[in-house]
C-alpha cells in the first residue's frame, strides 16, 4: 500500500503550533517558579563590601588588564531582581564577579524618570568600583529604560555594551487592556518615548545586542524586539521557540549574553528547530544543521574610524546588524 505524503504546506503551521504550545507551557512553568522567588527580590540590593578597589589597586591596574567590566541587570514591568537569579549565577561562574541588579519601583510611571534613576546608579557603581564603563543587561521594559538612558541621556559615555532580552524597541501592541497604565502606553509604537528613540543618535558609542524570539507573545509583532536604527551599532539575535518569560532563564541565551559581553561571536549551542515560512529577510531559510545563521541586512551607519575607549582596546567600526537563530 502506497503511503500518501503529508502536504508540506500543512506541516509548517502544525510545527509552529506545536512550538507555540511548548513555549507557552515553559513560560507558565517559569512564571510558577518565579512567583516563589519573587519575594526574595523585593529589597534593593546592597553593594558588595569588597567592590571598591584601594588606591594602590587602581593605580596598578591598566584598562587593558581589567578583563571584565561590572554588569548591571535591569528587570521588566512589575518585576524585580529575582528574575535574574540564573543569569547572574551563569555570569559569575564564568568570571564576571561584579554583577548587580537594580530594582525600580513597580509604581514607576515614566520611562524617562526610570532612566534618570538608572543613570545615577551607573555613576555610583563606576565611582565605587573605579571603572570608567560598565555593561547593562535589560529584560523587556528594563531594556527600553536602559536604551533611553544610553541614547537620550548621554549614557553611552558609561555603557560599553547594552544587551536587551525581549525589549519592545519599536513598541508593542500586546495587552491592550493594560494601556491604562502610563508606562504601558509609553511602550506603544506611537508613544513619544518610542518616537524619541527613532530620532538620530550620531556618534553613539555603546554596542547594542538584542535577543528577540519568534515565540514572544508579549512582543506584537515579534520583530519589534529588534533594534533597527541607522546610527546604532546593533546586532539582533533571533531565538527560536522561547517565550517572553523564559528569556532571562534560558541557558542558551545566558551563553549568548556572556558572548555578547565578551565581544565574541554569539553562537550558543542549541538543537536545530524547523523554520517557519514567511519570515522574510529577518530570518532566511537555511539547511545548515545545528549552527548559528546570520543575515546580511545591515544598518546603514556611516563608516567611522575605530573609537578608542577608556577601558580597553579600540572598538572596531561595525556597520552591519546580524541575526542569529538559536533553538
Protein backbone atom coordinates (compact mmCIF):
# COMPACT_ATOMS: atom_id res chain seq x y z
CA UNK A 1 0.00 0.00 0.00
CA UNK A 2 1.48 3.29 -1.07
CA UNK A 3 1.81 5.97 1.60
CA UNK A 4 0.35 9.36 0.82
CA UNK A 5 2.85 12.14 1.65
CA UNK A 6 1.63 14.74 4.10
CA UNK A 7 1.43 18.16 2.39
CA UNK A 8 4.37 20.39 3.37
CA UNK A 9 2.05 23.39 3.41
CA UNK A 10 0.21 21.83 6.35
CA UNK A 11 3.37 20.80 8.19
CA UNK A 12 4.66 24.31 8.79
CA UNK A 13 1.55 25.58 10.66
CA UNK A 14 1.48 22.33 12.64
CA UNK A 15 5.10 22.74 13.67
CA UNK A 16 4.52 26.38 14.55
CA UNK A 17 1.50 25.49 16.69
CA UNK A 18 3.46 22.77 18.50
CA UNK A 19 6.33 25.16 19.16
CA UNK A 20 3.92 27.82 20.43
CA UNK A 21 2.25 25.37 22.82
CA UNK A 22 5.63 24.23 24.07
CA UNK A 23 6.90 27.79 24.54
CA UNK A 24 3.69 28.76 26.37
CA UNK A 25 3.99 25.74 28.67
CA UNK A 26 7.58 26.65 29.52
CA UNK A 27 6.53 30.26 30.18
CA UNK A 28 3.83 29.05 32.58
CA UNK A 29 6.37 26.86 34.41
CA UNK A 30 8.81 29.78 34.60
CA UNK A 31 6.05 32.03 35.95
CA UNK A 32 5.16 29.48 38.65
CA UNK A 33 8.78 29.22 39.75
CA UNK A 34 9.21 32.98 39.63
CA UNK A 35 6.21 33.53 41.89
CA UNK A 36 8.07 31.58 44.57
CA UNK A 37 11.26 33.60 44.08
CA UNK A 38 9.55 36.98 43.69
CA UNK A 39 9.50 37.88 47.43
CA UNK A 40 13.30 37.42 47.61
CA UNK A 41 13.78 40.32 45.22
CA UNK A 42 11.65 42.97 46.94
CA UNK A 43 14.50 44.69 48.76
CA UNK A 44 17.01 46.82 46.91
CA UNK A 45 20.36 45.10 46.54
CA UNK A 46 23.19 46.19 48.83
CA UNK A 47 26.53 46.91 47.16
CA UNK A 48 29.19 44.25 47.79
CA UNK A 49 31.55 45.35 50.53
CA UNK A 50 34.70 44.46 48.61
CA UNK A 51 33.69 46.17 45.36
CA UNK A 52 35.72 49.34 45.91
CA UNK A 53 39.40 48.88 44.98
CA UNK A 54 42.09 50.60 47.01
CA UNK A 55 44.04 53.50 45.57
CA UNK A 56 47.06 51.25 45.03
CA UNK A 57 44.94 48.69 43.17
CA UNK A 58 43.51 51.40 40.95
CA UNK A 59 46.99 52.65 40.14
CA UNK A 60 48.32 49.15 39.39
CA UNK A 61 45.51 48.17 37.04
CA UNK A 62 45.66 49.41 33.48
CA UNK A 63 42.44 49.50 31.43
CA UNK A 64 43.69 46.57 29.37
CA UNK A 65 44.28 44.44 32.48
CA UNK A 66 40.71 44.81 33.68
CA UNK A 67 39.21 41.84 31.88
CA UNK A 68 35.58 42.17 32.91
CA UNK A 69 33.56 45.31 33.37
CA UNK A 70 30.81 45.45 36.03
CA UNK A 71 27.41 44.20 34.85
CA UNK A 72 24.15 45.83 35.89
CA UNK A 73 20.88 43.92 35.37
CA UNK A 74 17.54 45.68 34.90
CA UNK A 75 14.23 43.78 35.21
CA UNK A 76 10.97 44.20 33.31
CA UNK A 77 7.49 45.54 34.03
CA UNK A 78 6.09 44.74 37.52
CA UNK A 79 9.07 42.51 38.27
CA UNK A 80 12.20 42.67 40.42
CA UNK A 81 15.79 41.49 40.53
CA UNK A 82 14.82 37.90 41.42
CA UNK A 83 14.18 37.23 37.71
CA UNK A 84 17.97 37.24 37.15
CA UNK A 85 18.91 34.52 39.65
CA UNK A 86 20.04 32.03 36.98
CA UNK A 87 21.59 34.59 34.63
CA UNK A 88 23.56 36.16 37.48
CA UNK A 89 24.83 32.73 38.52
CA UNK A 90 25.91 31.96 34.97
CA UNK A 91 27.80 35.25 34.64
CA UNK A 92 29.60 34.74 37.95
CA UNK A 93 30.51 31.14 37.18
CA UNK A 94 32.25 32.36 34.04
CA UNK A 95 34.40 35.00 35.67
CA UNK A 96 32.19 38.07 35.98
CA UNK A 97 32.35 38.62 39.72
CA UNK A 98 30.85 42.10 39.84
CA UNK A 99 27.20 41.62 38.87
CA UNK A 100 24.47 43.78 40.38
CA UNK A 101 20.74 44.23 39.79
CA UNK A 102 18.72 47.42 40.13
CA UNK A 103 15.13 47.43 41.33
CA UNK A 104 12.99 50.28 40.10
CA UNK A 105 9.64 50.85 41.76
CA UNK A 106 6.61 48.94 40.40
CA UNK A 107 4.83 52.28 40.74
CA UNK A 108 7.15 53.86 38.17
CA UNK A 109 5.01 55.66 35.60
CA UNK A 110 7.61 57.20 33.30
CA UNK A 111 10.46 55.61 31.36
CA UNK A 112 12.40 58.87 31.36
CA UNK A 113 12.31 59.09 35.17
CA UNK A 114 13.43 55.46 35.46
CA UNK A 115 16.27 56.17 33.01
CA UNK A 116 17.45 59.08 35.17
CA UNK A 117 17.45 56.79 38.21
CA UNK A 118 19.45 54.25 36.23
CA UNK A 119 21.97 56.95 35.32
CA UNK A 120 22.54 57.82 38.99
CA UNK A 121 23.03 54.15 39.82
CA UNK A 122 25.51 53.71 36.98
CA UNK A 123 27.55 56.68 38.20
CA UNK A 124 27.56 55.24 41.73
CA UNK A 125 28.82 51.87 40.50
CA UNK A 126 31.56 53.43 38.39
CA UNK A 127 32.71 55.56 41.33
CA UNK A 128 32.60 52.65 43.77
CA UNK A 129 34.42 50.18 41.52
CA UNK A 130 36.87 52.58 39.93
CA UNK A 131 35.70 51.51 36.47
CA UNK A 132 35.02 54.07 33.75
CA UNK A 133 32.41 51.97 31.94
CA UNK A 134 30.12 49.01 32.58
CA UNK A 135 27.70 46.72 30.76
CA UNK A 136 23.91 46.67 31.01
CA UNK A 137 21.50 43.75 30.53
CA UNK A 138 17.79 44.57 30.44
CA UNK A 139 14.77 42.32 30.16
CA UNK A 140 11.63 43.66 28.46
CA UNK A 141 10.87 47.16 29.82
CA UNK A 142 14.26 47.17 31.55
CA UNK A 143 15.96 47.09 28.16
CA UNK A 144 13.89 50.05 26.97
CA UNK A 145 14.79 52.07 30.08
CA UNK A 146 18.45 51.23 29.54
CA UNK A 147 18.33 52.19 25.87
CA UNK A 148 16.68 55.52 26.69
CA UNK A 149 19.45 56.25 29.19
CA UNK A 150 22.17 55.35 26.69
CA UNK A 151 20.67 57.02 23.63
CA UNK A 152 18.90 60.07 25.07
CA UNK A 153 20.64 60.90 28.37
CA UNK A 154 24.28 60.53 27.37
CA UNK A 155 24.72 57.11 28.95
CA UNK A 156 26.88 55.94 26.05
CA UNK A 157 29.84 57.51 27.83
CA UNK A 158 29.38 54.99 30.66
CA UNK A 159 27.87 51.92 28.96
CA UNK A 160 30.14 49.78 26.81
CA UNK A 161 27.58 47.11 25.81
CA UNK A 162 23.81 47.01 26.25
CA UNK A 163 22.12 43.62 25.91
CA UNK A 164 18.32 43.52 25.72
CA UNK A 165 16.06 40.48 26.10
CA UNK A 166 12.59 40.72 24.59
CA UNK A 167 12.51 44.54 24.64
CA UNK A 168 9.87 46.44 22.60
CA UNK A 169 12.32 48.70 20.77
CA UNK A 170 9.70 49.70 18.21
CA UNK A 171 6.76 49.45 20.62
CA UNK A 172 4.33 46.60 21.19
CA UNK A 173 0.56 46.33 20.73
CA UNK A 174 0.14 43.39 23.13
CA UNK A 175 -2.14 43.55 26.20
CA UNK A 176 -4.39 46.45 25.12
CA UNK A 177 -6.31 46.26 28.41
CA UNK A 178 -3.17 47.38 30.27
CA UNK A 179 -2.98 50.67 28.37
CA UNK A 180 -4.49 52.45 31.36
CA UNK A 181 -1.02 52.27 32.93
CA UNK A 182 1.13 55.24 31.78
CA UNK A 183 4.30 53.20 31.34
CA UNK A 184 2.44 50.65 29.19
CA UNK A 185 1.24 53.49 26.96
CA UNK A 186 4.88 54.58 26.62
CA UNK A 187 5.65 51.13 25.19
CA UNK A 188 3.14 51.54 22.34
CA UNK A 189 4.50 52.11 18.81
CA UNK A 190 3.02 55.62 18.61
CA UNK A 191 4.25 56.84 22.01
CA UNK A 192 6.50 59.88 22.39
CA UNK A 193 9.19 57.72 24.04
CA UNK A 194 9.39 55.38 21.04
CA UNK A 195 9.41 58.42 18.74
CA UNK A 196 12.37 59.84 20.70
CA UNK A 197 14.27 56.59 20.25
CA UNK A 198 13.73 56.85 16.49
CA UNK A 199 15.50 60.23 16.42
CA UNK A 200 19.08 60.43 15.10
CA UNK A 201 21.80 59.33 17.52
CA UNK A 202 25.06 60.18 15.74
CA UNK A 203 28.25 59.13 17.48
CA UNK A 204 26.60 56.80 19.99
CA UNK A 205 29.48 54.80 21.50
CA UNK A 206 27.55 51.90 23.02
CA UNK A 207 27.35 48.50 21.34
CA UNK A 208 23.83 47.02 21.30
CA UNK A 209 22.86 43.34 21.22
CA UNK A 210 19.15 42.49 21.11
CA UNK A 211 17.78 38.99 21.71
CA UNK A 212 14.29 38.53 20.23
CA UNK A 213 12.14 35.41 19.99
CA UNK A 214 9.78 34.11 17.34
CA UNK A 215 7.53 32.85 20.18
CA UNK A 216 7.46 36.01 22.30
CA UNK A 217 3.74 36.69 22.71
CA UNK A 218 4.35 39.95 24.59
CA UNK A 219 6.02 41.46 21.52
CA UNK A 220 3.44 42.26 18.83
CA UNK A 221 4.78 41.85 16.22
CA UNK A 222 7.74 39.75 17.40
CA UNK A 223 10.16 41.75 15.22
CA UNK A 224 9.51 44.81 17.38
CA UNK A 225 12.16 43.46 19.78
CA UNK A 226 14.82 44.07 17.11
CA UNK A 227 16.90 47.24 17.07
CA UNK A 228 16.69 48.87 13.65
CA UNK A 229 18.32 52.28 13.84
CA UNK A 230 20.78 53.67 11.27
CA UNK A 231 23.04 55.32 13.87
CA UNK A 232 23.36 52.45 16.36
CA UNK A 233 25.91 49.66 16.25
CA UNK A 234 23.42 46.85 16.84
CA UNK A 235 23.29 43.08 16.47
CA UNK A 236 19.94 41.26 16.56
CA UNK A 237 19.85 37.63 17.71
CA UNK A 238 16.74 35.61 16.88
CA UNK A 239 15.88 32.95 19.45
CA UNK A 240 13.73 30.02 18.29
CA UNK A 241 10.88 28.68 20.41
CA UNK A 242 11.44 30.63 23.65
CA UNK A 243 8.66 32.59 25.34
CA UNK A 244 8.95 36.05 26.86
CA UNK A 245 9.27 34.97 30.49
CA UNK A 246 11.84 32.27 29.70
CA UNK A 247 14.30 34.68 28.06
CA UNK A 248 16.20 35.60 31.28
CA UNK A 249 16.47 31.96 32.43
CA UNK A 250 17.19 30.06 29.19
CA UNK A 251 20.71 28.51 29.30
CA UNK A 252 21.40 29.11 25.59
CA UNK A 253 20.53 32.78 25.99
CA UNK A 254 22.75 33.01 29.08
CA UNK A 255 25.57 31.71 26.90
CA UNK A 256 24.73 34.29 24.24
CA UNK A 257 24.68 37.10 26.80
CA UNK A 258 28.14 36.12 28.05
CA UNK A 259 29.44 36.03 24.49
CA UNK A 260 27.88 39.42 23.77
CA UNK A 261 29.53 40.98 26.81
CA UNK A 262 32.85 39.42 25.86
CA UNK A 263 32.54 40.74 22.32
CA UNK A 264 32.88 37.25 20.84
CA UNK A 265 30.63 35.74 18.13
CA UNK A 266 27.21 34.84 19.54
CA UNK A 267 26.91 31.14 18.79
CA UNK A 268 25.32 29.30 21.73
CA UNK A 269 24.87 25.58 21.12
CA UNK A 270 21.27 24.51 20.56
CA UNK A 271 19.35 21.93 18.64
CA UNK A 272 18.06 22.86 15.22
CA UNK A 273 14.34 23.68 15.01
CA UNK A 274 12.20 23.68 11.86
CA UNK A 275 12.00 27.03 10.14
CA UNK A 276 8.61 28.65 9.63
CA UNK A 277 7.64 30.14 6.31
CA UNK A 278 7.02 33.80 5.66
CA UNK A 279 9.51 35.50 8.00
CA UNK A 280 11.10 37.46 5.18
CA UNK A 281 14.56 38.95 5.34
CA UNK A 282 14.79 38.81 9.13
CA UNK A 283 15.04 35.01 9.06
CA UNK A 284 16.33 33.46 5.87
CA UNK A 285 15.82 29.77 5.34
CA UNK A 286 18.92 27.63 5.78
CA UNK A 287 19.76 23.95 5.57
CA UNK A 288 22.85 24.24 7.80
CA UNK A 289 22.48 21.76 10.69
CA UNK A 290 22.99 22.89 14.29
CA UNK A 291 24.59 26.23 13.51
CA UNK A 292 24.19 29.91 14.00
CA UNK A 293 22.83 31.70 10.94
CA UNK A 294 23.13 35.39 10.19
CA UNK A 295 21.56 37.52 7.52
CA UNK A 296 23.41 40.25 5.70
CA UNK A 297 20.94 43.04 6.27
CA UNK A 298 22.85 45.99 7.66
CA UNK A 299 22.20 49.22 9.43
CA UNK A 300 23.32 51.96 7.02
CA UNK A 301 25.54 53.57 9.62
CA UNK A 302 28.26 55.80 8.14
CA UNK A 303 31.70 54.25 8.46
CA UNK A 304 33.86 55.80 11.12
CA UNK A 305 37.35 55.38 12.50
CA UNK A 306 37.75 52.88 15.35
CA UNK A 307 36.90 54.52 18.63
CA UNK A 308 39.35 54.10 21.48
CA UNK A 309 37.50 53.68 24.73
CA UNK A 310 38.97 54.43 28.11
CA UNK A 311 38.54 50.88 29.43
CA UNK A 312 40.15 48.76 26.77
CA UNK A 313 41.35 48.41 23.18
CA UNK A 314 39.60 50.30 20.39
CA UNK A 315 36.21 49.04 19.28
CA UNK A 316 36.20 48.18 15.57
CA UNK A 317 33.72 50.10 13.45
CA UNK A 318 30.67 47.94 12.82
CA UNK A 319 28.23 48.73 10.11
CA UNK A 320 26.15 45.58 9.99
CA UNK A 321 23.35 44.15 12.06
CA UNK A 322 23.40 40.34 12.15
CA UNK A 323 20.63 38.00 13.06
CA UNK A 324 21.45 34.63 14.61
CA UNK A 325 18.99 31.80 15.15
CA UNK A 326 19.03 29.85 18.38
CA UNK A 327 16.68 26.99 19.26
